[in-house]
N, C-alpha and C. Protein backbone atom coordinates (compact mmCIF):
# COMPACT_ATOMS: atom_id res chain seq x y z
N UNK A 1 54.19 -4.82 22.89
CA UNK A 1 54.43 -3.48 22.36
C UNK A 1 53.47 -3.18 21.21
N UNK A 2 53.12 -1.92 21.04
CA UNK A 2 52.27 -1.52 19.93
C UNK A 2 53.12 -1.32 18.68
N UNK A 3 52.48 -1.46 17.51
CA UNK A 3 53.19 -1.26 16.25
C UNK A 3 52.46 -0.23 15.42
N UNK A 4 53.16 0.37 14.46
CA UNK A 4 52.59 1.36 13.58
C UNK A 4 52.30 0.77 12.21
N UNK A 5 51.33 1.36 11.50
CA UNK A 5 51.08 0.97 10.12
C UNK A 5 52.27 1.39 9.27
N UNK A 6 52.71 0.48 8.41
CA UNK A 6 53.88 0.75 7.58
C UNK A 6 53.49 1.48 6.31
N UNK A 7 54.22 2.53 6.01
CA UNK A 7 54.10 3.23 4.72
C UNK A 7 55.46 3.83 4.41
N UNK A 8 55.74 4.07 3.14
CA UNK A 8 57.03 4.63 2.77
C UNK A 8 57.26 5.98 3.43
N UNK A 9 56.19 6.78 3.54
CA UNK A 9 56.35 8.13 4.09
C UNK A 9 56.70 8.10 5.58
N UNK A 10 55.97 7.30 6.37
CA UNK A 10 56.30 7.30 7.81
C UNK A 10 57.60 6.53 8.08
N UNK A 11 57.94 5.60 7.20
CA UNK A 11 59.23 4.91 7.30
C UNK A 11 60.37 5.91 7.10
N UNK A 12 60.28 6.70 6.01
CA UNK A 12 61.32 7.69 5.72
C UNK A 12 61.40 8.75 6.80
N UNK A 13 60.25 9.19 7.30
CA UNK A 13 60.23 10.20 8.34
C UNK A 13 60.92 9.71 9.60
N UNK A 14 60.64 8.46 9.95
CA UNK A 14 61.23 7.89 11.16
C UNK A 14 62.74 7.70 10.99
N UNK A 15 63.16 7.26 9.81
CA UNK A 15 64.59 7.10 9.56
C UNK A 15 65.32 8.45 9.58
N UNK A 16 64.66 9.48 9.05
CA UNK A 16 65.25 10.82 9.08
C UNK A 16 65.48 11.26 10.53
N UNK A 17 64.50 10.99 11.40
CA UNK A 17 64.65 11.32 12.81
C UNK A 17 65.82 10.55 13.42
N UNK A 18 65.93 9.30 13.06
CA UNK A 18 67.00 8.45 13.59
C UNK A 18 68.37 8.99 13.17
N UNK A 19 68.53 9.29 11.88
CA UNK A 19 69.80 9.82 11.38
C UNK A 19 70.13 11.16 12.06
N UNK A 20 69.08 11.98 12.28
CA UNK A 20 69.29 13.26 12.96
C UNK A 20 69.79 13.04 14.39
N UNK A 21 69.25 12.04 15.06
CA UNK A 21 69.70 11.73 16.42
C UNK A 21 71.18 11.35 16.42
N UNK A 22 71.58 10.55 15.44
CA UNK A 22 72.99 10.17 15.36
C UNK A 22 73.86 11.40 15.13
N UNK A 23 73.40 12.27 14.21
CA UNK A 23 74.18 13.47 13.90
C UNK A 23 74.30 14.43 15.07
N UNK A 24 73.27 14.48 15.92
CA UNK A 24 73.29 15.38 17.07
C UNK A 24 73.82 14.69 18.33
N UNK A 25 74.28 13.45 18.16
CA UNK A 25 74.84 12.67 19.26
C UNK A 25 73.83 12.47 20.40
N UNK A 26 72.57 12.26 20.02
CA UNK A 26 71.53 11.94 21.00
C UNK A 26 71.49 10.44 21.19
N UNK A 27 71.75 9.97 22.38
CA UNK A 27 71.76 8.54 22.65
C UNK A 27 70.32 8.03 22.74
N UNK A 28 70.04 7.00 21.98
CA UNK A 28 68.66 6.49 21.91
C UNK A 28 68.22 5.78 23.18
N UNK A 29 69.17 5.39 24.01
CA UNK A 29 68.81 4.72 25.26
C UNK A 29 68.76 5.68 26.44
N UNK A 30 68.79 6.98 26.17
CA UNK A 30 68.66 8.00 27.22
C UNK A 30 67.35 8.76 27.06
N UNK A 31 67.00 9.59 28.04
CA UNK A 31 65.70 10.24 28.05
C UNK A 31 65.41 11.01 26.76
N UNK A 32 66.38 11.74 26.26
CA UNK A 32 66.16 12.55 25.05
C UNK A 32 65.92 11.69 23.81
N UNK A 33 66.51 10.51 23.79
CA UNK A 33 66.42 9.68 22.59
C UNK A 33 65.33 8.63 22.61
N UNK A 34 64.80 8.30 23.79
CA UNK A 34 63.84 7.20 23.89
C UNK A 34 62.56 7.41 23.07
N UNK A 35 61.99 8.63 23.00
CA UNK A 35 60.80 8.80 22.15
C UNK A 35 61.06 8.47 20.68
N UNK A 36 62.26 8.82 20.18
CA UNK A 36 62.62 8.48 18.81
C UNK A 36 62.81 6.97 18.68
N UNK A 37 63.47 6.37 19.68
CA UNK A 37 63.72 4.94 19.65
C UNK A 37 62.41 4.16 19.65
N UNK A 38 61.43 4.62 20.42
CA UNK A 38 60.16 3.90 20.48
C UNK A 38 59.43 3.94 19.14
N UNK A 39 59.49 5.08 18.45
CA UNK A 39 58.84 5.16 17.14
C UNK A 39 59.51 4.23 16.14
N UNK A 40 60.83 4.16 16.18
CA UNK A 40 61.55 3.23 15.31
C UNK A 40 61.16 1.79 15.64
N UNK A 41 61.11 1.49 16.93
CA UNK A 41 60.78 0.13 17.36
C UNK A 41 59.38 -0.27 16.90
N UNK A 42 58.44 0.67 16.92
CA UNK A 42 57.08 0.35 16.48
C UNK A 42 57.03 -0.01 15.00
N UNK A 43 57.82 0.68 14.17
CA UNK A 43 57.87 0.35 12.75
C UNK A 43 58.61 -0.96 12.51
N UNK A 44 59.72 -1.16 13.20
CA UNK A 44 60.43 -2.42 13.09
C UNK A 44 59.57 -3.59 13.54
N UNK A 45 58.78 -3.35 14.59
CA UNK A 45 57.89 -4.39 15.08
C UNK A 45 56.83 -4.77 14.06
N UNK A 46 56.29 -3.76 13.36
CA UNK A 46 55.31 -4.04 12.31
C UNK A 46 55.94 -4.87 11.20
N UNK A 47 57.18 -4.56 10.86
CA UNK A 47 57.90 -5.33 9.83
C UNK A 47 58.14 -6.77 10.29
N UNK A 48 58.59 -6.92 11.52
CA UNK A 48 58.89 -8.27 12.03
C UNK A 48 57.62 -9.10 12.12
N UNK A 49 56.52 -8.50 12.52
CA UNK A 49 55.24 -9.22 12.51
C UNK A 49 54.87 -9.69 11.11
N UNK A 50 55.15 -8.83 10.14
CA UNK A 50 54.87 -9.18 8.75
C UNK A 50 55.73 -10.37 8.31
N UNK A 51 57.00 -10.36 8.70
CA UNK A 51 57.90 -11.45 8.33
C UNK A 51 57.45 -12.79 8.94
N UNK A 52 57.09 -12.77 10.21
CA UNK A 52 56.67 -14.03 10.85
C UNK A 52 55.40 -14.56 10.21
N UNK A 53 54.49 -13.65 9.86
CA UNK A 53 53.24 -14.07 9.23
C UNK A 53 53.48 -14.63 7.83
N UNK A 54 54.26 -13.90 7.04
CA UNK A 54 54.50 -14.31 5.65
C UNK A 54 55.39 -15.54 5.55
N UNK A 55 56.16 -15.83 6.58
CA UNK A 55 57.01 -17.02 6.55
C UNK A 55 56.18 -18.30 6.55
N UNK A 56 54.95 -18.20 7.08
CA UNK A 56 54.04 -19.35 7.16
C UNK A 56 54.66 -20.53 7.92
N UNK A 57 55.54 -20.21 8.86
CA UNK A 57 56.15 -21.26 9.68
C UNK A 57 55.09 -21.85 10.60
N UNK A 58 55.14 -23.16 10.78
CA UNK A 58 54.22 -23.83 11.69
C UNK A 58 54.77 -23.68 13.10
N UNK A 59 54.56 -22.49 13.63
CA UNK A 59 55.18 -22.11 14.90
C UNK A 59 54.30 -21.07 15.56
N UNK A 60 54.57 -20.81 16.81
CA UNK A 60 53.94 -19.72 17.53
C UNK A 60 55.04 -18.77 17.98
N UNK A 61 54.67 -17.48 18.05
CA UNK A 61 55.69 -16.46 18.32
C UNK A 61 55.34 -15.68 19.58
N UNK A 62 56.36 -15.37 20.34
CA UNK A 62 56.17 -14.60 21.56
C UNK A 62 55.82 -13.15 21.22
N UNK A 63 55.23 -12.41 22.17
CA UNK A 63 55.04 -10.97 21.96
C UNK A 63 56.38 -10.30 21.69
N UNK A 64 56.34 -9.25 20.88
CA UNK A 64 57.57 -8.54 20.54
C UNK A 64 58.15 -7.81 21.75
N UNK A 65 59.47 -7.77 21.78
CA UNK A 65 60.19 -6.98 22.79
C UNK A 65 61.17 -6.09 22.05
N UNK A 66 61.38 -4.88 22.58
CA UNK A 66 62.35 -4.00 21.93
C UNK A 66 63.31 -3.41 22.94
N UNK A 67 64.43 -2.98 22.40
CA UNK A 67 65.47 -2.39 23.25
C UNK A 67 66.25 -1.39 22.43
N UNK A 68 66.71 -0.34 23.08
CA UNK A 68 67.56 0.66 22.43
C UNK A 68 68.96 0.61 23.03
N UNK A 69 69.94 0.83 22.16
CA UNK A 69 71.31 1.08 22.60
C UNK A 69 71.59 2.54 22.29
N UNK A 70 72.79 2.99 22.50
CA UNK A 70 73.08 4.40 22.26
C UNK A 70 72.86 4.79 20.80
N UNK A 71 73.15 3.87 19.87
CA UNK A 71 73.04 4.22 18.44
C UNK A 71 72.20 3.23 17.65
N UNK A 72 71.42 2.41 18.31
CA UNK A 72 70.62 1.42 17.59
C UNK A 72 69.36 1.03 18.33
N UNK A 73 68.46 0.38 17.59
CA UNK A 73 67.20 -0.13 18.15
C UNK A 73 66.97 -1.51 17.55
N UNK A 74 66.53 -2.45 18.37
CA UNK A 74 66.17 -3.75 17.81
C UNK A 74 64.92 -4.30 18.47
N UNK A 75 64.22 -5.12 17.69
CA UNK A 75 62.98 -5.76 18.12
C UNK A 75 63.15 -7.26 17.95
N UNK A 76 62.71 -8.02 18.93
CA UNK A 76 62.90 -9.47 18.89
C UNK A 76 61.61 -10.22 19.14
N UNK A 77 61.54 -11.40 18.57
CA UNK A 77 60.45 -12.33 18.86
C UNK A 77 61.07 -13.71 19.06
N UNK A 78 60.33 -14.57 19.73
CA UNK A 78 60.85 -15.85 20.17
C UNK A 78 60.03 -16.98 19.58
N UNK A 79 60.68 -17.89 18.88
CA UNK A 79 60.01 -19.07 18.34
C UNK A 79 59.72 -20.05 19.47
N UNK A 80 58.45 -20.38 19.66
CA UNK A 80 58.10 -21.30 20.75
C UNK A 80 58.47 -22.74 20.42
N UNK A 81 58.52 -23.07 19.14
CA UNK A 81 58.91 -24.43 18.74
C UNK A 81 60.42 -24.61 18.92
N UNK A 82 61.19 -23.71 18.38
CA UNK A 82 62.64 -23.83 18.45
C UNK A 82 63.23 -23.33 19.78
N UNK A 83 62.40 -22.58 20.53
CA UNK A 83 62.90 -21.91 21.75
C UNK A 83 64.12 -21.06 21.38
N UNK A 84 63.89 -20.18 20.41
CA UNK A 84 65.02 -19.45 19.82
C UNK A 84 64.55 -18.07 19.36
N UNK A 85 65.46 -17.10 19.42
CA UNK A 85 65.12 -15.71 19.18
C UNK A 85 65.51 -15.25 17.77
N UNK A 86 64.67 -14.36 17.22
CA UNK A 86 64.92 -13.73 15.92
C UNK A 86 64.78 -12.22 16.10
N UNK A 87 65.70 -11.49 15.49
CA UNK A 87 65.81 -10.05 15.76
C UNK A 87 65.86 -9.24 14.48
N UNK A 88 65.15 -8.12 14.49
CA UNK A 88 65.21 -7.13 13.41
C UNK A 88 65.64 -5.82 14.06
N UNK A 89 66.66 -5.17 13.48
CA UNK A 89 67.15 -3.96 14.12
C UNK A 89 67.78 -2.99 13.14
N UNK A 90 68.14 -1.85 13.70
CA UNK A 90 68.87 -0.83 12.94
C UNK A 90 70.07 -0.41 13.77
N UNK A 91 71.21 -0.28 13.08
CA UNK A 91 72.43 0.12 13.77
C UNK A 91 73.25 0.94 12.79
N UNK A 92 73.56 2.17 13.18
CA UNK A 92 74.28 3.03 12.24
C UNK A 92 73.43 3.27 11.01
N UNK A 93 73.95 2.94 9.87
CA UNK A 93 73.22 3.16 8.62
C UNK A 93 72.81 1.84 7.99
N UNK A 94 72.64 0.82 8.82
CA UNK A 94 72.23 -0.49 8.31
C UNK A 94 71.04 -1.04 9.08
N UNK A 95 70.20 -1.75 8.36
CA UNK A 95 69.09 -2.50 8.94
C UNK A 95 69.44 -3.97 8.80
N UNK A 96 69.14 -4.76 9.80
CA UNK A 96 69.55 -6.16 9.77
C UNK A 96 68.47 -7.05 10.39
N UNK A 97 68.49 -8.29 9.95
CA UNK A 97 67.71 -9.34 10.61
C UNK A 97 68.68 -10.46 10.91
N UNK A 98 68.66 -10.98 12.12
CA UNK A 98 69.60 -12.04 12.44
C UNK A 98 69.06 -13.00 13.48
N UNK A 99 69.77 -14.10 13.60
CA UNK A 99 69.47 -15.09 14.63
C UNK A 99 70.73 -15.92 14.85
N UNK A 100 71.03 -16.22 16.09
CA UNK A 100 72.19 -17.08 16.36
C UNK A 100 71.94 -18.46 15.77
N UNK A 101 73.03 -19.14 15.46
CA UNK A 101 72.93 -20.47 14.85
C UNK A 101 72.50 -21.46 15.92
N UNK A 102 71.39 -22.10 15.68
CA UNK A 102 70.80 -23.03 16.64
C UNK A 102 71.43 -24.41 16.50
N UNK A 103 71.79 -25.01 17.63
CA UNK A 103 72.35 -26.37 17.63
C UNK A 103 73.49 -26.48 16.61
N UNK A 104 74.45 -25.56 16.71
CA UNK A 104 75.54 -25.50 15.73
C UNK A 104 76.36 -26.78 15.66
N UNK A 105 76.35 -27.55 16.72
CA UNK A 105 77.13 -28.79 16.72
C UNK A 105 76.62 -29.79 15.68
N UNK A 106 75.42 -29.55 15.16
CA UNK A 106 74.84 -30.48 14.18
C UNK A 106 75.17 -30.12 12.73
N UNK A 107 76.01 -29.11 12.53
CA UNK A 107 76.35 -28.72 11.16
C UNK A 107 76.95 -29.88 10.37
N UNK A 108 77.72 -30.72 11.04
CA UNK A 108 78.38 -31.82 10.33
C UNK A 108 77.37 -32.81 9.75
N UNK A 109 76.16 -32.80 10.26
CA UNK A 109 75.15 -33.73 9.76
C UNK A 109 74.19 -33.14 8.75
N UNK A 110 74.42 -31.89 8.34
CA UNK A 110 73.49 -31.24 7.42
C UNK A 110 73.68 -31.77 5.99
N UNK A 111 72.54 -32.00 5.33
CA UNK A 111 72.61 -32.49 3.95
C UNK A 111 72.54 -31.32 2.97
N UNK A 112 72.38 -31.63 1.68
CA UNK A 112 72.42 -30.60 0.65
C UNK A 112 71.29 -29.58 0.80
N UNK A 113 70.17 -29.96 1.40
CA UNK A 113 69.05 -29.03 1.57
C UNK A 113 69.49 -27.81 2.38
N UNK A 114 70.27 -28.03 3.41
CA UNK A 114 70.76 -26.94 4.25
C UNK A 114 71.65 -26.00 3.44
N UNK A 115 72.60 -26.56 2.73
CA UNK A 115 73.56 -25.74 2.00
C UNK A 115 72.93 -25.04 0.81
N UNK A 116 71.92 -25.67 0.19
CA UNK A 116 71.17 -25.00 -0.89
C UNK A 116 70.45 -23.78 -0.33
N UNK A 117 69.84 -23.93 0.86
CA UNK A 117 69.14 -22.80 1.47
C UNK A 117 70.12 -21.68 1.80
N UNK A 118 71.29 -22.04 2.30
CA UNK A 118 72.32 -21.04 2.59
C UNK A 118 72.68 -20.27 1.33
N UNK A 119 72.89 -20.95 0.22
CA UNK A 119 73.27 -20.30 -1.03
C UNK A 119 72.13 -19.47 -1.61
N UNK A 120 70.89 -19.91 -1.43
CA UNK A 120 69.75 -19.12 -1.89
C UNK A 120 69.69 -17.78 -1.17
N UNK A 121 69.98 -17.78 0.11
CA UNK A 121 70.00 -16.54 0.86
C UNK A 121 71.13 -15.63 0.38
N UNK A 122 72.27 -16.23 0.07
CA UNK A 122 73.40 -15.46 -0.44
C UNK A 122 73.04 -14.77 -1.75
N UNK A 123 72.29 -15.46 -2.59
CA UNK A 123 71.87 -14.89 -3.87
C UNK A 123 70.82 -13.80 -3.70
N UNK A 124 70.12 -13.81 -2.58
CA UNK A 124 68.99 -12.90 -2.37
C UNK A 124 69.40 -11.52 -1.87
N UNK A 125 70.66 -11.36 -1.44
CA UNK A 125 71.09 -10.07 -0.91
C UNK A 125 72.32 -10.22 -0.04
N UNK A 126 72.50 -9.29 0.87
CA UNK A 126 73.68 -9.26 1.73
C UNK A 126 73.47 -10.19 2.93
N UNK A 127 73.63 -11.48 2.67
CA UNK A 127 73.49 -12.50 3.71
C UNK A 127 74.86 -13.01 4.10
N UNK A 128 75.11 -13.13 5.41
CA UNK A 128 76.43 -13.52 5.88
C UNK A 128 76.35 -14.40 7.12
N UNK A 129 77.36 -15.23 7.26
CA UNK A 129 77.64 -15.87 8.54
C UNK A 129 78.52 -14.91 9.33
N UNK A 130 78.08 -14.56 10.53
CA UNK A 130 78.87 -13.69 11.41
C UNK A 130 79.42 -14.54 12.55
N UNK A 131 80.74 -14.52 12.70
CA UNK A 131 81.33 -15.37 13.73
C UNK A 131 81.20 -14.74 15.11
N UNK A 132 81.10 -15.61 16.11
CA UNK A 132 81.01 -15.15 17.49
C UNK A 132 82.18 -15.71 18.30
N UNK A 133 82.22 -17.03 18.44
CA UNK A 133 83.30 -17.65 19.22
C UNK A 133 84.63 -17.39 18.52
N UNK A 134 85.56 -16.81 19.24
CA UNK A 134 86.88 -16.56 18.67
C UNK A 134 87.65 -17.85 18.47
N UNK A 135 88.38 -17.94 17.36
CA UNK A 135 89.17 -19.14 17.10
C UNK A 135 90.40 -19.16 17.99
N UNK A 136 90.71 -20.29 18.59
CA UNK A 136 91.87 -20.38 19.48
C UNK A 136 93.18 -20.22 18.71
N UNK A 137 94.21 -19.78 19.41
CA UNK A 137 95.51 -19.55 18.78
C UNK A 137 96.06 -20.82 18.13
N UNK A 138 95.76 -21.98 18.73
CA UNK A 138 96.27 -23.23 18.17
C UNK A 138 95.74 -23.49 16.77
N UNK A 139 94.52 -23.00 16.48
CA UNK A 139 93.95 -23.22 15.14
C UNK A 139 94.58 -22.28 14.12
N UNK A 140 95.04 -21.11 14.59
CA UNK A 140 95.61 -20.13 13.67
C UNK A 140 96.96 -20.59 13.12
N UNK A 141 97.57 -21.54 13.82
CA UNK A 141 98.86 -22.05 13.35
C UNK A 141 98.70 -23.07 12.23
N UNK A 142 97.48 -23.60 12.08
CA UNK A 142 97.27 -24.64 11.05
C UNK A 142 96.39 -24.15 9.91
N UNK A 143 95.85 -22.93 10.03
CA UNK A 143 94.95 -22.43 8.99
C UNK A 143 95.06 -20.92 8.88
N UNK A 144 95.08 -20.42 7.65
CA UNK A 144 95.09 -18.98 7.41
C UNK A 144 93.66 -18.46 7.58
N UNK A 145 93.37 -17.89 8.74
CA UNK A 145 91.99 -17.49 9.03
C UNK A 145 91.62 -16.17 8.36
N UNK A 146 92.58 -15.52 7.72
CA UNK A 146 92.29 -14.27 7.03
C UNK A 146 91.85 -14.50 5.59
N UNK A 147 91.99 -15.72 5.11
CA UNK A 147 91.67 -16.02 3.72
C UNK A 147 90.21 -16.42 3.58
N UNK A 148 89.68 -16.30 2.37
CA UNK A 148 88.35 -16.80 2.08
C UNK A 148 87.26 -15.77 2.28
N UNK A 149 86.56 -15.44 1.20
CA UNK A 149 85.45 -14.52 1.30
C UNK A 149 84.10 -15.24 1.33
N UNK A 150 84.09 -16.48 0.95
CA UNK A 150 82.84 -17.24 0.87
C UNK A 150 82.25 -17.47 2.26
N UNK A 151 80.95 -17.18 2.39
CA UNK A 151 80.28 -17.42 3.67
C UNK A 151 80.25 -18.90 4.02
N UNK A 152 80.05 -19.75 3.03
CA UNK A 152 80.05 -21.19 3.27
C UNK A 152 81.42 -21.63 3.78
N UNK A 153 82.48 -21.13 3.12
CA UNK A 153 83.84 -21.49 3.55
C UNK A 153 84.09 -21.06 4.99
N UNK A 154 83.72 -19.83 5.33
CA UNK A 154 83.97 -19.32 6.68
C UNK A 154 83.20 -20.12 7.73
N UNK A 155 81.95 -20.47 7.40
CA UNK A 155 81.14 -21.23 8.34
C UNK A 155 81.75 -22.61 8.58
N UNK A 156 82.10 -23.30 7.51
CA UNK A 156 82.68 -24.64 7.65
C UNK A 156 84.04 -24.57 8.32
N UNK A 157 84.87 -23.58 7.90
CA UNK A 157 86.20 -23.43 8.50
C UNK A 157 86.12 -23.22 10.00
N UNK A 158 85.27 -22.28 10.43
CA UNK A 158 85.18 -21.99 11.86
C UNK A 158 84.63 -23.18 12.63
N UNK A 159 83.64 -23.85 12.04
CA UNK A 159 83.07 -25.01 12.72
C UNK A 159 84.12 -26.10 12.90
N UNK A 160 84.85 -26.44 11.84
CA UNK A 160 85.85 -27.51 11.90
C UNK A 160 86.95 -27.15 12.90
N UNK A 161 87.42 -25.91 12.86
CA UNK A 161 88.50 -25.51 13.76
C UNK A 161 88.06 -25.50 15.22
N UNK A 162 86.84 -25.06 15.47
CA UNK A 162 86.35 -25.09 16.84
C UNK A 162 86.14 -26.51 17.34
N UNK A 163 85.59 -27.36 16.48
CA UNK A 163 85.38 -28.75 16.87
C UNK A 163 86.72 -29.43 17.20
N UNK A 164 87.75 -29.07 16.44
CA UNK A 164 89.06 -29.70 16.63
C UNK A 164 89.82 -29.12 17.81
N UNK A 165 89.74 -27.80 17.98
CA UNK A 165 90.62 -27.13 18.96
C UNK A 165 89.89 -26.59 20.19
N UNK A 166 88.58 -26.38 20.09
CA UNK A 166 87.84 -25.81 21.22
C UNK A 166 86.37 -26.22 21.15
N UNK A 167 86.08 -27.52 21.26
CA UNK A 167 84.72 -28.02 21.02
C UNK A 167 83.65 -27.44 21.94
N UNK A 168 84.03 -27.00 23.12
CA UNK A 168 83.03 -26.44 24.04
C UNK A 168 82.48 -25.11 23.52
N UNK A 169 83.20 -24.47 22.60
CA UNK A 169 82.76 -23.19 22.07
C UNK A 169 81.97 -23.30 20.77
N UNK A 170 81.79 -24.51 20.26
CA UNK A 170 81.06 -24.68 19.00
C UNK A 170 79.64 -24.15 19.10
N UNK A 171 79.02 -24.29 20.26
CA UNK A 171 77.64 -23.82 20.44
C UNK A 171 77.52 -22.32 20.23
N UNK A 172 78.63 -21.59 20.42
CA UNK A 172 78.64 -20.14 20.25
C UNK A 172 79.27 -19.74 18.91
N UNK A 173 79.12 -20.61 17.92
CA UNK A 173 79.76 -20.43 16.62
C UNK A 173 79.51 -19.05 16.02
N UNK A 174 78.26 -18.58 16.05
CA UNK A 174 77.95 -17.27 15.47
C UNK A 174 76.49 -17.14 15.13
N UNK A 175 76.19 -16.31 14.15
CA UNK A 175 74.79 -16.10 13.78
C UNK A 175 74.65 -15.89 12.28
N UNK A 176 73.42 -16.09 11.80
CA UNK A 176 73.06 -15.80 10.42
C UNK A 176 72.50 -14.38 10.38
N UNK A 177 72.92 -13.60 9.37
CA UNK A 177 72.49 -12.21 9.31
C UNK A 177 72.27 -11.76 7.87
N UNK A 178 71.19 -11.00 7.68
CA UNK A 178 70.85 -10.41 6.38
C UNK A 178 70.73 -8.91 6.59
N UNK A 179 71.39 -8.11 5.71
CA UNK A 179 71.45 -6.67 5.95
C UNK A 179 70.99 -5.88 4.72
N UNK A 180 70.55 -4.64 5.00
CA UNK A 180 70.21 -3.66 3.98
C UNK A 180 70.81 -2.31 4.39
N UNK A 181 71.03 -1.46 3.42
CA UNK A 181 71.31 -0.07 3.73
C UNK A 181 70.03 0.55 4.28
N UNK A 182 70.17 1.46 5.23
CA UNK A 182 68.99 2.12 5.80
C UNK A 182 68.26 2.95 4.75
N UNK A 183 68.94 3.25 3.65
CA UNK A 183 68.30 4.03 2.58
C UNK A 183 67.52 3.17 1.60
N UNK A 184 67.53 1.85 1.79
CA UNK A 184 66.80 0.96 0.88
C UNK A 184 65.30 1.25 0.96
N UNK A 185 64.57 1.19 -0.15
CA UNK A 185 63.12 1.41 -0.13
C UNK A 185 62.42 0.40 0.78
N UNK A 186 61.38 0.85 1.43
CA UNK A 186 60.63 -0.02 2.33
C UNK A 186 60.16 -1.29 1.61
N UNK A 187 59.68 -1.15 0.39
CA UNK A 187 59.15 -2.31 -0.33
C UNK A 187 60.25 -3.34 -0.58
N UNK A 188 61.47 -2.88 -0.84
CA UNK A 188 62.59 -3.80 -1.02
C UNK A 188 62.84 -4.59 0.25
N UNK A 189 62.82 -3.90 1.38
CA UNK A 189 63.04 -4.57 2.67
C UNK A 189 61.90 -5.53 2.97
N UNK A 190 60.69 -5.16 2.63
CA UNK A 190 59.55 -6.04 2.89
C UNK A 190 59.67 -7.34 2.09
N UNK A 191 60.02 -7.22 0.83
CA UNK A 191 60.08 -8.40 -0.04
C UNK A 191 61.27 -9.28 0.33
N UNK A 192 62.47 -8.70 0.35
CA UNK A 192 63.65 -9.52 0.63
C UNK A 192 63.71 -9.91 2.11
N UNK A 193 63.09 -9.10 2.97
CA UNK A 193 63.07 -9.44 4.39
C UNK A 193 62.25 -10.69 4.66
N UNK A 194 61.16 -10.85 3.94
CA UNK A 194 60.35 -12.06 4.08
C UNK A 194 61.16 -13.28 3.65
N UNK A 195 61.88 -13.14 2.53
CA UNK A 195 62.75 -14.22 2.06
C UNK A 195 63.83 -14.53 3.08
N UNK A 196 64.45 -13.46 3.63
CA UNK A 196 65.53 -13.63 4.60
C UNK A 196 65.04 -14.30 5.87
N UNK A 197 63.92 -13.83 6.40
CA UNK A 197 63.41 -14.40 7.64
C UNK A 197 63.06 -15.87 7.44
N UNK A 198 62.35 -16.15 6.36
CA UNK A 198 61.95 -17.53 6.09
C UNK A 198 63.17 -18.44 5.92
N UNK A 199 64.21 -17.92 5.21
CA UNK A 199 65.41 -18.72 4.98
C UNK A 199 66.21 -18.96 6.24
N UNK A 200 66.40 -17.92 7.06
CA UNK A 200 67.15 -18.09 8.31
C UNK A 200 66.40 -19.03 9.25
N UNK A 201 65.07 -18.87 9.29
CA UNK A 201 64.27 -19.76 10.12
C UNK A 201 64.46 -21.21 9.67
N UNK A 202 64.48 -21.44 8.36
CA UNK A 202 64.62 -22.81 7.86
C UNK A 202 65.98 -23.39 8.19
N UNK A 203 67.04 -22.59 8.05
CA UNK A 203 68.37 -23.08 8.42
C UNK A 203 68.38 -23.54 9.88
N UNK A 204 67.83 -22.72 10.75
CA UNK A 204 67.80 -23.10 12.16
C UNK A 204 66.86 -24.28 12.39
N UNK A 205 65.79 -24.35 11.63
CA UNK A 205 64.86 -25.48 11.79
C UNK A 205 65.54 -26.80 11.44
N UNK A 206 66.33 -26.81 10.36
CA UNK A 206 67.01 -28.04 9.96
C UNK A 206 68.00 -28.48 11.03
N UNK A 207 68.69 -27.53 11.66
CA UNK A 207 69.59 -27.86 12.76
C UNK A 207 68.81 -28.33 13.99
N UNK A 208 67.71 -27.65 14.26
CA UNK A 208 66.84 -28.02 15.39
C UNK A 208 66.28 -29.44 15.19
N UNK A 209 65.82 -29.73 13.97
CA UNK A 209 65.23 -31.05 13.68
C UNK A 209 66.26 -32.15 13.85
N UNK A 210 67.49 -31.89 13.43
CA UNK A 210 68.55 -32.88 13.59
C UNK A 210 68.75 -33.23 15.06
N UNK A 211 68.75 -32.21 15.92
CA UNK A 211 68.90 -32.44 17.35
C UNK A 211 67.70 -33.16 17.93
N UNK A 212 66.51 -32.77 17.48
CA UNK A 212 65.28 -33.41 17.95
C UNK A 212 65.27 -34.90 17.63
N UNK A 213 65.67 -35.25 16.40
CA UNK A 213 65.68 -36.66 15.99
C UNK A 213 66.73 -37.46 16.77
N UNK A 214 67.86 -36.83 17.07
CA UNK A 214 68.88 -37.50 17.88
C UNK A 214 68.34 -37.85 19.26
N UNK A 215 67.70 -36.86 19.88
CA UNK A 215 67.19 -37.07 21.23
C UNK A 215 66.05 -38.08 21.24
N UNK A 216 65.24 -38.04 20.19
CA UNK A 216 64.12 -39.00 20.10
C UNK A 216 64.62 -40.42 19.95
N UNK A 217 65.69 -40.61 19.16
CA UNK A 217 66.23 -41.94 18.93
C UNK A 217 66.78 -42.54 20.22
N UNK A 218 67.27 -41.68 21.13
CA UNK A 218 67.80 -42.18 22.39
C UNK A 218 66.71 -42.72 23.32
N UNK A 219 65.48 -42.26 23.07
CA UNK A 219 64.36 -42.66 23.92
C UNK A 219 63.75 -43.99 23.50
N UNK A 220 64.13 -44.47 22.32
CA UNK A 220 63.55 -45.73 21.80
C UNK A 220 64.24 -46.93 22.45
């Protein structure tokens, strides 16, 4: 896909068009909305390219792909090392970057480096663990799942409960996500987005490396 040069003016213009589409109930995945969706995707793509470059990850990235839903647009790229996808998108009045948790079964083996990185992301902005696999009813009888605002607590709680009550679903634990208001200045998104992308990539890399070392040890 082609991308556009980023500037505050064309960013604001494109977002204004997007908000107008929502207000007029124009679905972005239909004929009337697709031209607007493509312009948004081109700007998001330029941002995502910037994040992958600035992350300085020793990795190669797939060509960008984009997709529109009725009220959102997202652009994705694929890490060739991790064989894993990273997404930047807009939905409603929020912009987000996310990635599913890679090799979630290895959380129990993560050292302090992983948890420090998690907390650094929390300090950098609106970073959250978003759950995917629903907790089984049997776990709800032993734990108050409505309690706890801490992202670390929720991640560990869900992991432990799934491992205990539904281990086959641990792989679908959830995803890491960093969000901004769509009204945030472009420069703010550029700066904190680079931090977010690099941090989420590192969290997944540490989980990926743990799995890689396990498999390598079996070959010896």
